[in-house]
Amino acid sequence: MSGNMCDSCANFFYDEENEEWICDVQMDEDDAVRFYTNPKPECPFYRNGDEYAVVRHQM
């Protein structure tokens, strides 16, 4: 998974308690195995965190 992709993902946030960045995706064991063994670098759980992307698309 690309670091740049994570930076703009809505699932990626800073946890102040643990002082680290966390990907907050709820996945079961099957999803985790599929995710970690996927040869493609794309993240299947990526969500664009840019709230204004839809608005710019409509203009």
N, C-alpha and C. Protein backbone atom coordinates (compact mmCIF):
# COMPACT_ATOMS: atom_id res chain seq x y z
N MET A 1 0.84 -1.17 0.00
CA MET A 1 0.00 0.00 0.00
C MET A 1 0.88 1.23 0.00
N SER A 2 0.55 2.16 -0.82
CA SER A 2 1.35 3.36 -0.98
C SER A 2 1.13 4.31 0.19
N GLY A 3 2.20 4.94 0.65
CA GLY A 3 2.09 5.92 1.72
C GLY A 3 1.26 7.11 1.32
N ASN A 4 1.39 7.55 0.05
CA ASN A 4 0.60 8.67 -0.43
C ASN A 4 -0.88 8.34 -0.43
N MET A 5 -1.20 7.10 -0.74
CA MET A 5 -2.59 6.67 -0.75
C MET A 5 -3.16 6.75 0.68
N CYS A 6 -2.39 6.32 1.64
CA CYS A 6 -2.83 6.36 3.04
C CYS A 6 -3.05 7.79 3.51
N ASP A 7 -2.20 8.70 3.09
CA ASP A 7 -2.30 10.09 3.54
C ASP A 7 -3.63 10.73 3.19
N SER A 8 -4.25 10.31 2.10
CA SER A 8 -5.51 10.91 1.69
C SER A 8 -6.72 10.02 1.99
N CYS A 9 -6.50 8.94 2.73
CA CYS A 9 -7.57 7.99 3.02
C CYS A 9 -8.37 8.42 4.25
N ALA A 10 -9.68 8.27 4.19
CA ALA A 10 -10.56 8.61 5.30
C ALA A 10 -10.40 7.64 6.47
N ASN A 11 -9.84 6.45 6.24
CA ASN A 11 -9.65 5.46 7.29
C ASN A 11 -8.35 5.64 8.07
N PHE A 12 -7.51 6.56 7.65
CA PHE A 12 -6.19 6.74 8.23
C PHE A 12 -6.22 7.95 9.18
N PHE A 13 -5.93 7.74 10.47
CA PHE A 13 -5.97 8.84 11.41
C PHE A 13 -4.86 8.70 12.46
N TYR A 14 -4.58 9.81 13.13
CA TYR A 14 -3.54 9.83 14.15
C TYR A 14 -4.17 9.54 15.50
N ASP A 15 -3.68 8.51 16.17
CA ASP A 15 -4.15 8.13 17.50
C ASP A 15 -3.24 8.81 18.52
N GLU A 16 -3.76 9.83 19.20
CA GLU A 16 -2.95 10.60 20.15
C GLU A 16 -2.56 9.77 21.36
N GLU A 17 -3.39 8.85 21.75
CA GLU A 17 -3.09 8.02 22.92
C GLU A 17 -1.85 7.15 22.68
N ASN A 18 -1.78 6.53 21.51
CA ASN A 18 -0.64 5.67 21.16
C ASN A 18 0.45 6.41 20.40
N GLU A 19 0.17 7.66 20.03
CA GLU A 19 1.09 8.51 19.28
C GLU A 19 1.58 7.83 18.00
N GLU A 20 0.62 7.33 17.20
CA GLU A 20 0.96 6.71 15.93
C GLU A 20 -0.22 6.82 14.96
N TRP A 21 0.08 6.69 13.68
CA TRP A 21 -0.95 6.69 12.64
C TRP A 21 -1.54 5.30 12.54
N ILE A 22 -2.88 5.24 12.39
CA ILE A 22 -3.59 3.96 12.38
C ILE A 22 -4.56 3.92 11.20
N CYS A 23 -4.62 2.76 10.57
CA CYS A 23 -5.64 2.51 9.55
C CYS A 23 -6.81 1.87 10.27
N ASP A 24 -7.92 2.58 10.35
CA ASP A 24 -9.07 2.14 11.13
C ASP A 24 -10.09 1.41 10.24
N VAL A 25 -9.71 0.22 9.79
CA VAL A 25 -10.58 -0.59 8.95
C VAL A 25 -10.96 -1.84 9.72
N GLN A 26 -12.25 -2.08 9.82
CA GLN A 26 -12.73 -3.28 10.49
C GLN A 26 -12.79 -4.40 9.47
N MET A 27 -11.90 -5.39 9.60
CA MET A 27 -11.92 -6.51 8.67
C MET A 27 -11.84 -7.82 9.43
N ASP A 28 -12.48 -8.82 8.88
CA ASP A 28 -12.43 -10.14 9.51
C ASP A 28 -11.17 -10.87 9.07
N GLU A 29 -10.99 -12.07 9.55
CA GLU A 29 -9.77 -12.83 9.26
C GLU A 29 -9.59 -13.10 7.77
N ASP A 30 -10.67 -13.41 7.08
CA ASP A 30 -10.59 -13.66 5.63
C ASP A 30 -10.15 -12.41 4.87
N ASP A 31 -10.71 -11.25 5.25
CA ASP A 31 -10.32 -10.00 4.60
C ASP A 31 -8.85 -9.69 4.87
N ALA A 32 -8.39 -9.93 6.09
CA ALA A 32 -7.00 -9.66 6.45
C ALA A 32 -6.04 -10.52 5.61
N VAL A 33 -6.35 -11.80 5.46
CA VAL A 33 -5.50 -12.68 4.67
C VAL A 33 -5.48 -12.23 3.22
N ARG A 34 -6.65 -11.90 2.68
CA ARG A 34 -6.75 -11.43 1.30
C ARG A 34 -5.96 -10.13 1.11
N PHE A 35 -6.03 -9.24 2.09
CA PHE A 35 -5.36 -7.96 2.02
C PHE A 35 -3.83 -8.12 2.05
N TYR A 36 -3.32 -8.93 2.98
CA TYR A 36 -1.88 -9.08 3.13
C TYR A 36 -1.24 -9.98 2.08
N THR A 37 -2.02 -10.80 1.41
CA THR A 37 -1.46 -11.66 0.37
C THR A 37 -1.73 -11.14 -1.04
N ASN A 38 -2.39 -10.00 -1.15
CA ASN A 38 -2.72 -9.41 -2.45
C ASN A 38 -1.44 -8.87 -3.10
N PRO A 39 -1.10 -9.33 -4.30
CA PRO A 39 0.11 -8.84 -4.97
C PRO A 39 -0.04 -7.41 -5.51
N LYS A 40 -1.26 -6.92 -5.62
CA LYS A 40 -1.48 -5.56 -6.12
C LYS A 40 -1.23 -4.57 -4.99
N PRO A 41 -0.62 -3.42 -5.30
CA PRO A 41 -0.33 -2.44 -4.25
C PRO A 41 -1.54 -1.61 -3.82
N GLU A 42 -2.66 -1.72 -4.54
CA GLU A 42 -3.82 -0.91 -4.19
C GLU A 42 -4.49 -1.42 -2.92
N CYS A 43 -5.04 -0.52 -2.17
CA CYS A 43 -5.76 -0.88 -0.95
C CYS A 43 -7.25 -1.02 -1.27
N PRO A 44 -7.86 -2.18 -1.02
CA PRO A 44 -9.27 -2.35 -1.32
C PRO A 44 -10.18 -1.60 -0.36
N PHE A 45 -9.64 -1.07 0.72
CA PHE A 45 -10.44 -0.36 1.72
C PHE A 45 -10.28 1.15 1.62
N TYR A 46 -9.59 1.63 0.57
CA TYR A 46 -9.33 3.06 0.42
C TYR A 46 -10.64 3.82 0.22
N ARG A 47 -10.78 4.90 0.99
CA ARG A 47 -11.88 5.85 0.82
C ARG A 47 -11.27 7.23 0.76
N ASN A 48 -11.62 7.99 -0.25
CA ASN A 48 -11.09 9.34 -0.39
C ASN A 48 -11.54 10.19 0.78
N GLY A 49 -10.60 10.77 1.50
CA GLY A 49 -10.92 11.61 2.64
C GLY A 49 -11.18 13.06 2.27
N ASP A 50 -11.11 13.38 0.98
CA ASP A 50 -11.35 14.74 0.51
C ASP A 50 -12.85 14.98 0.41
N GLU A 51 -13.39 15.73 1.37
CA GLU A 51 -14.84 15.99 1.41
C GLU A 51 -15.31 16.83 0.23
N TYR A 52 -14.41 17.59 -0.38
CA TYR A 52 -14.80 18.50 -1.44
C TYR A 52 -14.63 17.90 -2.83
N ALA A 53 -14.20 16.65 -2.94
CA ALA A 53 -13.99 16.04 -4.25
C ALA A 53 -15.29 15.96 -5.04
N VAL A 54 -16.38 15.66 -4.37
CA VAL A 54 -17.67 15.57 -5.06
C VAL A 54 -18.10 16.94 -5.55
N VAL A 55 -17.90 17.95 -4.74
CA VAL A 55 -18.29 19.32 -5.13
C VAL A 55 -17.47 19.77 -6.34
N ARG A 56 -16.17 19.52 -6.33
CA ARG A 56 -15.34 19.91 -7.48
C ARG A 56 -15.75 19.16 -8.72
N HIS A 57 -16.18 17.92 -8.56
CA HIS A 57 -16.62 17.12 -9.71
C HIS A 57 -17.89 17.69 -10.31
N GLN A 58 -18.77 18.27 -9.48
CA GLN A 58 -20.04 18.80 -9.95
C GLN A 58 -19.89 20.15 -10.63
N MET A 59 -18.78 20.83 -10.41
CA MET A 59 -18.61 22.19 -11.00
C MET A 59 -18.33 22.13 -12.47
